[in-house]
N, C-alpha and C. Protein backbone atom coordinates (compact mmCIF):
# COMPACT_ATOMS: atom_id res chain seq x y z
N MET A 1 56.15 -2.14 -9.65
CA MET A 1 55.17 -3.11 -10.08
C MET A 1 55.63 -3.67 -11.42
N PRO A 2 55.57 -4.98 -11.59
CA PRO A 2 56.01 -5.57 -12.86
C PRO A 2 55.12 -5.14 -14.01
N ILE A 3 55.68 -5.15 -15.17
CA ILE A 3 54.97 -4.69 -16.36
C ILE A 3 53.74 -5.55 -16.66
N THR A 4 53.80 -6.84 -16.36
CA THR A 4 52.63 -7.70 -16.62
C THR A 4 51.46 -7.31 -15.72
N ALA A 5 51.75 -6.92 -14.47
CA ALA A 5 50.68 -6.48 -13.56
C ALA A 5 50.07 -5.19 -14.05
N ARG A 6 50.91 -4.27 -14.53
CA ARG A 6 50.40 -3.00 -15.06
C ARG A 6 49.54 -3.24 -16.30
N LEU A 7 50.00 -4.13 -17.17
CA LEU A 7 49.24 -4.45 -18.37
C LEU A 7 47.89 -5.08 -18.00
N SER A 8 47.89 -5.96 -17.03
CA SER A 8 46.64 -6.60 -16.60
C SER A 8 45.65 -5.57 -16.07
N ILE A 9 46.15 -4.66 -15.25
CA ILE A 9 45.28 -3.61 -14.70
C ILE A 9 44.75 -2.72 -15.83
N LEU A 10 45.60 -2.38 -16.76
CA LEU A 10 45.22 -1.55 -17.90
C LEU A 10 44.15 -2.24 -18.74
N LEU A 11 44.33 -3.53 -18.98
CA LEU A 11 43.35 -4.28 -19.78
C LEU A 11 42.00 -4.36 -19.07
N VAL A 12 42.02 -4.54 -17.75
CA VAL A 12 40.77 -4.58 -16.99
C VAL A 12 40.06 -3.24 -17.08
N LEU A 13 40.80 -2.15 -16.92
CA LEU A 13 40.20 -0.82 -17.00
C LEU A 13 39.63 -0.55 -18.39
N ILE A 14 40.35 -0.93 -19.43
CA ILE A 14 39.85 -0.74 -20.80
C ILE A 14 38.58 -1.56 -21.00
N GLY A 15 38.56 -2.78 -20.46
CA GLY A 15 37.36 -3.62 -20.57
C GLY A 15 36.17 -3.00 -19.87
N LEU A 16 36.42 -2.46 -18.67
CA LEU A 16 35.33 -1.82 -17.94
C LEU A 16 34.80 -0.59 -18.68
N LEU A 17 35.68 0.20 -19.21
CA LEU A 17 35.27 1.38 -19.98
C LEU A 17 34.48 0.97 -21.21
N ALA A 18 34.93 -0.07 -21.88
CA ALA A 18 34.23 -0.53 -23.09
C ALA A 18 32.83 -1.01 -22.74
N CYS A 19 32.70 -1.74 -21.63
CA CYS A 19 31.37 -2.24 -21.22
C CYS A 19 30.45 -1.09 -20.86
N SER A 20 30.97 -0.11 -20.13
CA SER A 20 30.10 1.00 -19.73
C SER A 20 29.72 1.84 -20.93
N ALA A 21 30.59 2.00 -21.89
CA ALA A 21 30.27 2.74 -23.10
C ALA A 21 29.21 2.00 -23.91
N GLN A 22 29.32 0.68 -23.96
CA GLN A 22 28.35 -0.12 -24.70
C GLN A 22 26.98 -0.03 -24.02
N GLN A 23 26.94 -0.05 -22.71
CA GLN A 23 25.68 0.04 -22.00
C GLN A 23 25.02 1.39 -22.21
N ALA A 24 25.80 2.45 -22.31
CA ALA A 24 25.25 3.79 -22.53
C ALA A 24 24.58 3.88 -23.89
N ASP A 25 25.06 3.09 -24.86
CA ASP A 25 24.46 3.10 -26.19
C ASP A 25 23.21 2.22 -26.27
N ASP A 26 23.01 1.38 -25.31
CA ASP A 26 21.87 0.46 -25.29
C ASP A 26 20.67 1.19 -24.67
N PRO A 27 19.60 1.46 -25.45
CA PRO A 27 18.46 2.20 -24.91
C PRO A 27 17.77 1.49 -23.74
N ARG A 28 17.95 0.18 -23.65
CA ARG A 28 17.35 -0.54 -22.53
C ARG A 28 18.06 -0.23 -21.22
N MET A 29 19.26 0.29 -21.29
CA MET A 29 20.05 0.55 -20.09
C MET A 29 19.93 1.99 -19.60
N ILE A 30 19.28 2.84 -20.37
CA ILE A 30 19.14 4.24 -19.98
C ILE A 30 18.04 4.35 -18.93
N VAL A 31 18.40 4.89 -17.81
CA VAL A 31 17.43 5.07 -16.74
C VAL A 31 17.15 6.55 -16.60
N GLY A 32 15.91 6.90 -16.71
CA GLY A 32 15.53 8.30 -16.61
C GLY A 32 14.18 8.40 -15.96
N PRO A 33 13.61 9.57 -15.97
CA PRO A 33 12.30 9.72 -15.35
C PRO A 33 11.27 8.84 -16.06
N GLN A 34 10.45 8.19 -15.28
CA GLN A 34 9.41 7.34 -15.84
C GLN A 34 8.07 8.01 -15.64
N GLU A 35 7.21 7.80 -16.60
CA GLU A 35 5.87 8.34 -16.45
C GLU A 35 5.10 7.44 -15.50
N VAL A 36 4.43 8.05 -14.57
CA VAL A 36 3.63 7.31 -13.61
C VAL A 36 2.18 7.71 -13.85
N ALA A 37 1.37 6.70 -14.06
CA ALA A 37 -0.04 6.98 -14.29
C ALA A 37 -0.66 7.57 -13.03
N PRO A 38 -1.62 8.44 -13.18
CA PRO A 38 -2.29 8.97 -11.99
C PRO A 38 -3.00 7.83 -11.26
N PRO A 39 -3.12 7.92 -9.95
CA PRO A 39 -3.77 6.84 -9.20
C PRO A 39 -5.23 6.69 -9.61
N SER A 40 -5.69 5.47 -9.57
CA SER A 40 -7.08 5.19 -9.92
C SER A 40 -8.02 5.68 -8.82
N GLU A 41 -9.29 5.67 -9.15
CA GLU A 41 -10.31 6.07 -8.18
C GLU A 41 -10.27 5.15 -6.95
N LEU A 42 -10.08 3.85 -7.18
CA LEU A 42 -10.01 2.91 -6.07
C LEU A 42 -8.75 3.12 -5.24
N ALA A 43 -7.62 3.39 -5.89
CA ALA A 43 -6.37 3.64 -5.16
C ALA A 43 -6.51 4.88 -4.28
N LEU A 44 -7.11 5.93 -4.81
CA LEU A 44 -7.31 7.15 -4.01
C LEU A 44 -8.25 6.88 -2.83
N LEU A 45 -9.27 6.10 -3.07
CA LEU A 45 -10.20 5.75 -1.99
C LEU A 45 -9.49 4.94 -0.91
N MET A 46 -8.63 4.00 -1.33
CA MET A 46 -7.88 3.20 -0.36
C MET A 46 -6.96 4.08 0.49
N ARG A 47 -6.37 5.08 -0.12
CA ARG A 47 -5.53 6.01 0.64
C ARG A 47 -6.36 6.77 1.67
N HIS A 48 -7.56 7.15 1.27
CA HIS A 48 -8.46 7.84 2.20
C HIS A 48 -8.85 6.90 3.34
N MET A 49 -9.12 5.65 3.01
CA MET A 49 -9.48 4.66 4.03
C MET A 49 -8.32 4.46 5.01
N ALA A 50 -7.10 4.41 4.49
CA ALA A 50 -5.92 4.24 5.36
C ALA A 50 -5.75 5.46 6.26
N ALA A 51 -5.93 6.65 5.71
CA ALA A 51 -5.81 7.87 6.50
C ALA A 51 -6.87 7.90 7.61
N HIS A 52 -8.07 7.46 7.27
CA HIS A 52 -9.13 7.40 8.28
C HIS A 52 -8.74 6.43 9.39
N ALA A 53 -8.26 5.25 9.01
CA ALA A 53 -7.84 4.26 10.02
C ALA A 53 -6.73 4.81 10.89
N ASP A 54 -5.78 5.52 10.29
CA ASP A 54 -4.70 6.13 11.07
C ASP A 54 -5.27 7.14 12.07
N SER A 55 -6.24 7.92 11.65
CA SER A 55 -6.87 8.90 12.55
C SER A 55 -7.58 8.22 13.70
N VAL A 56 -8.28 7.13 13.40
CA VAL A 56 -8.97 6.39 14.46
C VAL A 56 -7.94 5.83 15.45
N LYS A 57 -6.87 5.25 14.92
CA LYS A 57 -5.84 4.66 15.79
C LYS A 57 -5.24 5.72 16.72
N ILE A 58 -4.95 6.88 16.18
CA ILE A 58 -4.39 7.97 17.00
C ILE A 58 -5.39 8.40 18.06
N GLY A 59 -6.65 8.53 17.68
CA GLY A 59 -7.68 8.91 18.64
C GLY A 59 -7.84 7.89 19.75
N LEU A 60 -7.77 6.61 19.39
CA LEU A 60 -7.87 5.57 20.41
C LEU A 60 -6.69 5.64 21.37
N ALA A 61 -5.50 5.86 20.83
CA ALA A 61 -4.30 5.95 21.67
C ALA A 61 -4.38 7.13 22.63
N ARG A 62 -4.99 8.20 22.20
CA ARG A 62 -5.11 9.41 23.04
C ARG A 62 -6.31 9.33 23.99
N GLY A 63 -7.14 8.31 23.81
CA GLY A 63 -8.33 8.18 24.66
C GLY A 63 -9.41 9.20 24.33
N GLU A 64 -9.43 9.66 23.09
CA GLU A 64 -10.42 10.66 22.70
C GLU A 64 -11.83 10.07 22.78
N LYS A 65 -12.77 10.91 23.13
CA LYS A 65 -14.16 10.47 23.28
C LYS A 65 -14.84 10.26 21.93
N GLU A 66 -14.48 11.08 20.98
CA GLU A 66 -15.15 11.05 19.68
C GLU A 66 -14.25 10.42 18.62
N LEU A 67 -14.89 9.77 17.68
CA LEU A 67 -14.18 9.25 16.51
C LEU A 67 -14.10 10.35 15.46
N PRO A 68 -13.19 10.22 14.50
CA PRO A 68 -13.19 11.20 13.39
C PRO A 68 -14.51 11.11 12.63
N PRO A 69 -14.81 12.09 11.81
CA PRO A 69 -16.07 12.03 11.06
C PRO A 69 -16.20 10.72 10.28
N PHE A 70 -17.43 10.23 10.18
CA PHE A 70 -17.69 8.98 9.45
C PHE A 70 -17.23 9.15 8.01
N PRO A 71 -16.49 8.18 7.47
CA PRO A 71 -15.95 8.30 6.10
C PRO A 71 -17.00 7.95 5.05
N THR A 72 -17.82 8.91 4.68
CA THR A 72 -18.90 8.64 3.72
C THR A 72 -18.38 8.21 2.35
N GLU A 73 -17.12 8.49 2.06
CA GLU A 73 -16.53 8.12 0.77
C GLU A 73 -16.56 6.61 0.55
N ILE A 74 -16.63 5.83 1.63
CA ILE A 74 -16.59 4.37 1.48
C ILE A 74 -17.82 3.82 0.78
N GLU A 75 -18.83 4.65 0.61
CA GLU A 75 -20.00 4.22 -0.17
C GLU A 75 -19.60 3.89 -1.60
N LYS A 76 -18.52 4.48 -2.09
CA LYS A 76 -18.05 4.28 -3.46
C LYS A 76 -17.16 3.05 -3.61
N LEU A 77 -16.88 2.34 -2.51
CA LEU A 77 -15.91 1.25 -2.53
C LEU A 77 -16.23 0.19 -3.58
N LEU A 78 -17.47 -0.16 -3.73
CA LEU A 78 -17.83 -1.25 -4.64
C LEU A 78 -17.92 -0.81 -6.10
N THR A 79 -17.92 0.50 -6.34
CA THR A 79 -18.04 1.00 -7.71
C THR A 79 -16.82 1.77 -8.20
N ALA A 80 -15.86 2.01 -7.33
CA ALA A 80 -14.67 2.78 -7.72
C ALA A 80 -13.86 2.03 -8.78
N THR A 81 -13.34 2.77 -9.73
CA THR A 81 -12.55 2.19 -10.82
C THR A 81 -11.19 1.77 -10.30
N PRO A 82 -10.83 0.49 -10.50
CA PRO A 82 -9.52 0.03 -10.01
C PRO A 82 -8.38 0.48 -10.93
N THR A 83 -7.17 0.27 -10.49
CA THR A 83 -5.99 0.56 -11.29
C THR A 83 -6.03 -0.30 -12.55
N MET A 84 -5.65 0.30 -13.69
CA MET A 84 -5.67 -0.40 -14.95
C MET A 84 -4.83 -1.67 -14.85
N ASP A 85 -5.32 -2.73 -15.44
CA ASP A 85 -4.66 -4.04 -15.47
C ASP A 85 -4.63 -4.74 -14.12
N MET A 86 -5.32 -4.22 -13.13
CA MET A 86 -5.40 -4.91 -11.85
C MET A 86 -6.65 -5.78 -11.88
N HIS A 87 -6.47 -7.04 -11.58
CA HIS A 87 -7.62 -7.95 -11.56
C HIS A 87 -8.35 -7.83 -10.23
N ILE A 88 -9.59 -7.45 -10.31
CA ILE A 88 -10.45 -7.40 -9.14
C ILE A 88 -11.51 -8.47 -9.34
N ASP A 89 -11.48 -9.49 -8.51
CA ASP A 89 -12.41 -10.61 -8.65
C ASP A 89 -13.84 -10.12 -8.40
N PRO A 90 -14.73 -10.33 -9.36
CA PRO A 90 -16.10 -9.82 -9.22
C PRO A 90 -16.93 -10.54 -8.17
N ILE A 91 -16.45 -11.67 -7.68
CA ILE A 91 -17.18 -12.40 -6.64
C ILE A 91 -16.68 -12.01 -5.25
N THR A 92 -15.36 -12.10 -5.06
CA THR A 92 -14.83 -11.89 -3.71
C THR A 92 -14.69 -10.41 -3.33
N PHE A 93 -14.35 -9.56 -4.28
CA PHE A 93 -14.14 -8.15 -3.92
C PHE A 93 -15.40 -7.51 -3.33
N PRO A 94 -16.58 -7.68 -3.93
CA PRO A 94 -17.77 -7.09 -3.30
C PRO A 94 -18.03 -7.64 -1.89
N THR A 95 -17.72 -8.90 -1.68
CA THR A 95 -17.91 -9.49 -0.35
C THR A 95 -16.98 -8.82 0.65
N PHE A 96 -15.71 -8.67 0.28
CA PHE A 96 -14.76 -7.99 1.17
C PHE A 96 -15.15 -6.53 1.37
N GLY A 97 -15.58 -5.87 0.29
CA GLY A 97 -15.95 -4.46 0.39
C GLY A 97 -17.13 -4.24 1.32
N LYS A 98 -18.14 -5.09 1.20
CA LYS A 98 -19.31 -4.99 2.08
C LYS A 98 -18.92 -5.27 3.53
N ASP A 99 -17.99 -6.22 3.73
CA ASP A 99 -17.52 -6.52 5.08
C ASP A 99 -16.82 -5.30 5.67
N TYR A 100 -15.98 -4.64 4.88
CA TYR A 100 -15.29 -3.43 5.36
C TYR A 100 -16.32 -2.37 5.75
N GLN A 101 -17.30 -2.12 4.88
CA GLN A 101 -18.31 -1.12 5.18
C GLN A 101 -19.07 -1.47 6.47
N ALA A 102 -19.36 -2.75 6.66
CA ALA A 102 -20.04 -3.18 7.89
C ALA A 102 -19.15 -2.98 9.11
N LYS A 103 -17.86 -3.20 8.96
CA LYS A 103 -16.93 -3.03 10.09
C LYS A 103 -16.80 -1.55 10.46
N VAL A 104 -16.84 -0.67 9.47
CA VAL A 104 -16.80 0.77 9.77
C VAL A 104 -18.07 1.15 10.53
N ALA A 105 -19.21 0.67 10.05
CA ALA A 105 -20.47 0.97 10.74
C ALA A 105 -20.45 0.42 12.17
N ALA A 106 -19.90 -0.79 12.35
CA ALA A 106 -19.82 -1.39 13.69
C ALA A 106 -18.90 -0.58 14.61
N LEU A 107 -17.82 -0.05 14.05
CA LEU A 107 -16.92 0.80 14.84
C LEU A 107 -17.66 2.01 15.37
N TYR A 108 -18.43 2.65 14.51
CA TYR A 108 -19.15 3.86 14.92
C TYR A 108 -20.32 3.55 15.85
N ALA A 109 -20.80 2.31 15.82
CA ALA A 109 -21.90 1.92 16.70
C ALA A 109 -21.39 1.37 18.04
N ALA A 110 -20.09 1.06 18.11
CA ALA A 110 -19.53 0.42 19.31
C ALA A 110 -19.48 1.39 20.49
N ALA A 111 -19.66 0.82 21.67
CA ALA A 111 -19.46 1.60 22.89
C ALA A 111 -17.98 1.99 22.96
N ARG A 112 -17.70 3.07 23.61
CA ARG A 112 -16.33 3.59 23.66
C ARG A 112 -15.33 2.53 24.13
N LYS A 113 -15.69 1.74 25.12
CA LYS A 113 -14.78 0.72 25.66
C LYS A 113 -14.54 -0.41 24.66
N ASP A 114 -15.44 -0.59 23.70
CA ASP A 114 -15.33 -1.66 22.71
C ASP A 114 -14.69 -1.22 21.40
N ARG A 115 -14.37 0.06 21.30
CA ARG A 115 -13.83 0.57 20.04
C ARG A 115 -12.50 -0.06 19.62
N PRO A 116 -11.57 -0.34 20.54
CA PRO A 116 -10.33 -0.97 20.08
C PRO A 116 -10.57 -2.32 19.37
N GLN A 117 -11.47 -3.14 19.92
CA GLN A 117 -11.78 -4.41 19.28
C GLN A 117 -12.47 -4.19 17.93
N ALA A 118 -13.39 -3.24 17.89
CA ALA A 118 -14.09 -2.95 16.65
C ALA A 118 -13.11 -2.40 15.60
N TYR A 119 -12.18 -1.58 16.04
CA TYR A 119 -11.16 -1.04 15.14
C TYR A 119 -10.28 -2.17 14.59
N ASN A 120 -9.83 -3.07 15.47
CA ASN A 120 -9.00 -4.18 15.02
C ASN A 120 -9.76 -5.09 14.04
N ALA A 121 -11.06 -5.25 14.24
CA ALA A 121 -11.88 -6.02 13.29
C ALA A 121 -11.91 -5.31 11.94
N LEU A 122 -11.97 -3.99 11.97
CA LEU A 122 -11.93 -3.20 10.74
C LEU A 122 -10.59 -3.41 10.02
N VAL A 123 -9.50 -3.33 10.76
CA VAL A 123 -8.17 -3.54 10.17
C VAL A 123 -8.06 -4.96 9.61
N GLN A 124 -8.62 -5.93 10.33
CA GLN A 124 -8.57 -7.32 9.86
C GLN A 124 -9.33 -7.46 8.55
N SER A 125 -10.41 -6.71 8.39
CA SER A 125 -11.15 -6.78 7.12
C SER A 125 -10.28 -6.27 5.96
N CYS A 126 -9.46 -5.27 6.24
CA CYS A 126 -8.51 -4.79 5.22
C CYS A 126 -7.51 -5.89 4.88
N ALA A 127 -6.96 -6.53 5.91
CA ALA A 127 -5.97 -7.59 5.71
C ALA A 127 -6.59 -8.76 4.95
N ASN A 128 -7.83 -9.11 5.26
CA ASN A 128 -8.49 -10.21 4.57
C ASN A 128 -8.59 -9.95 3.08
N CYS A 129 -9.01 -8.76 2.72
CA CYS A 129 -9.16 -8.41 1.30
C CYS A 129 -7.80 -8.36 0.62
N HIS A 130 -6.84 -7.68 1.24
CA HIS A 130 -5.53 -7.53 0.62
C HIS A 130 -4.75 -8.83 0.58
N GLY A 131 -5.15 -9.82 1.37
CA GLY A 131 -4.55 -11.15 1.26
C GLY A 131 -4.94 -11.82 -0.05
N THR A 132 -6.06 -11.38 -0.64
CA THR A 132 -6.55 -11.93 -1.90
C THR A 132 -6.30 -10.99 -3.07
N HIS A 133 -6.53 -9.72 -2.86
CA HIS A 133 -6.39 -8.70 -3.90
C HIS A 133 -5.26 -7.76 -3.51
N CYS A 134 -4.33 -7.53 -4.37
CA CYS A 134 -3.30 -6.51 -4.17
C CYS A 134 -2.61 -6.63 -2.80
N PRO A 135 -1.72 -7.59 -2.62
CA PRO A 135 -1.10 -7.81 -1.31
C PRO A 135 -0.06 -6.77 -0.90
N GLY A 136 0.28 -5.84 -1.77
CA GLY A 136 1.30 -4.85 -1.45
C GLY A 136 1.14 -4.14 -0.13
N PRO A 137 -0.05 -3.68 0.23
CA PRO A 137 -0.22 -2.92 1.48
C PRO A 137 -0.24 -3.76 2.76
N LEU A 138 -0.11 -5.07 2.68
CA LEU A 138 -0.23 -5.89 3.89
C LEU A 138 0.74 -5.52 4.99
N MET A 139 1.96 -5.16 4.65
CA MET A 139 2.93 -4.77 5.68
C MET A 139 2.45 -3.53 6.44
N ARG A 140 1.90 -2.58 5.72
CA ARG A 140 1.38 -1.37 6.36
C ARG A 140 0.15 -1.69 7.20
N ILE A 141 -0.71 -2.55 6.67
CA ILE A 141 -1.93 -2.91 7.39
C ILE A 141 -1.58 -3.59 8.71
N LYS A 142 -0.59 -4.45 8.71
CA LYS A 142 -0.21 -5.17 9.93
C LYS A 142 0.23 -4.22 11.05
N LYS A 143 0.69 -3.04 10.68
CA LYS A 143 1.12 -2.05 11.67
C LYS A 143 -0.05 -1.21 12.20
N MET A 144 -1.23 -1.39 11.66
CA MET A 144 -2.38 -0.57 12.03
C MET A 144 -3.11 -1.07 13.27
N TYR A 145 -2.90 -2.30 13.65
CA TYR A 145 -3.62 -2.83 14.80
C TYR A 145 -3.27 -2.07 16.08
N VAL A 146 -4.22 -2.08 17.02
CA VAL A 146 -3.97 -1.49 18.34
C VAL A 146 -3.97 -2.61 19.38
N LYS A 147 -3.29 -2.36 20.48
CA LYS A 147 -3.30 -3.31 21.59
C LYS A 147 -4.66 -3.22 22.28
N VAL A 148 -5.21 -4.37 22.56
CA VAL A 148 -6.48 -4.43 23.27
C VAL A 148 -6.20 -4.87 24.69
N GLN A 149 -6.72 -4.11 25.65
CA GLN A 149 -6.45 -4.43 27.06
C GLN A 149 -7.54 -5.25 27.67
């Protein structure tokens, strides 16, 4: 290999080493464990709501006669503390929350043959709210629907 090629490779390697050493000294470039705030009361409630919906979906797929126990925790939906710095619209959120609560009640009141439609209406209420507030879970919500025959 010609000496100029060796010198070029050597200079590139020295440059790379210098850049990586400089980045290590830059505190903005240090990646380490980050503190994660504990989930808010509303976030925990949403996880419970998702778990309940998953249980209903599984029960419907298995043709079970009974639904899982009624999720009484949803009574707290309108008063649960949201994640810090998350904007919850005081006009639309209560409307969506009441709609969700009504859809849960309708699911439990539905005849067994009508439960898939009632369940999908419940999932749609989740999608409606998350389309306006906190859209992150929408991909998961879209997977919650059941086929209606």
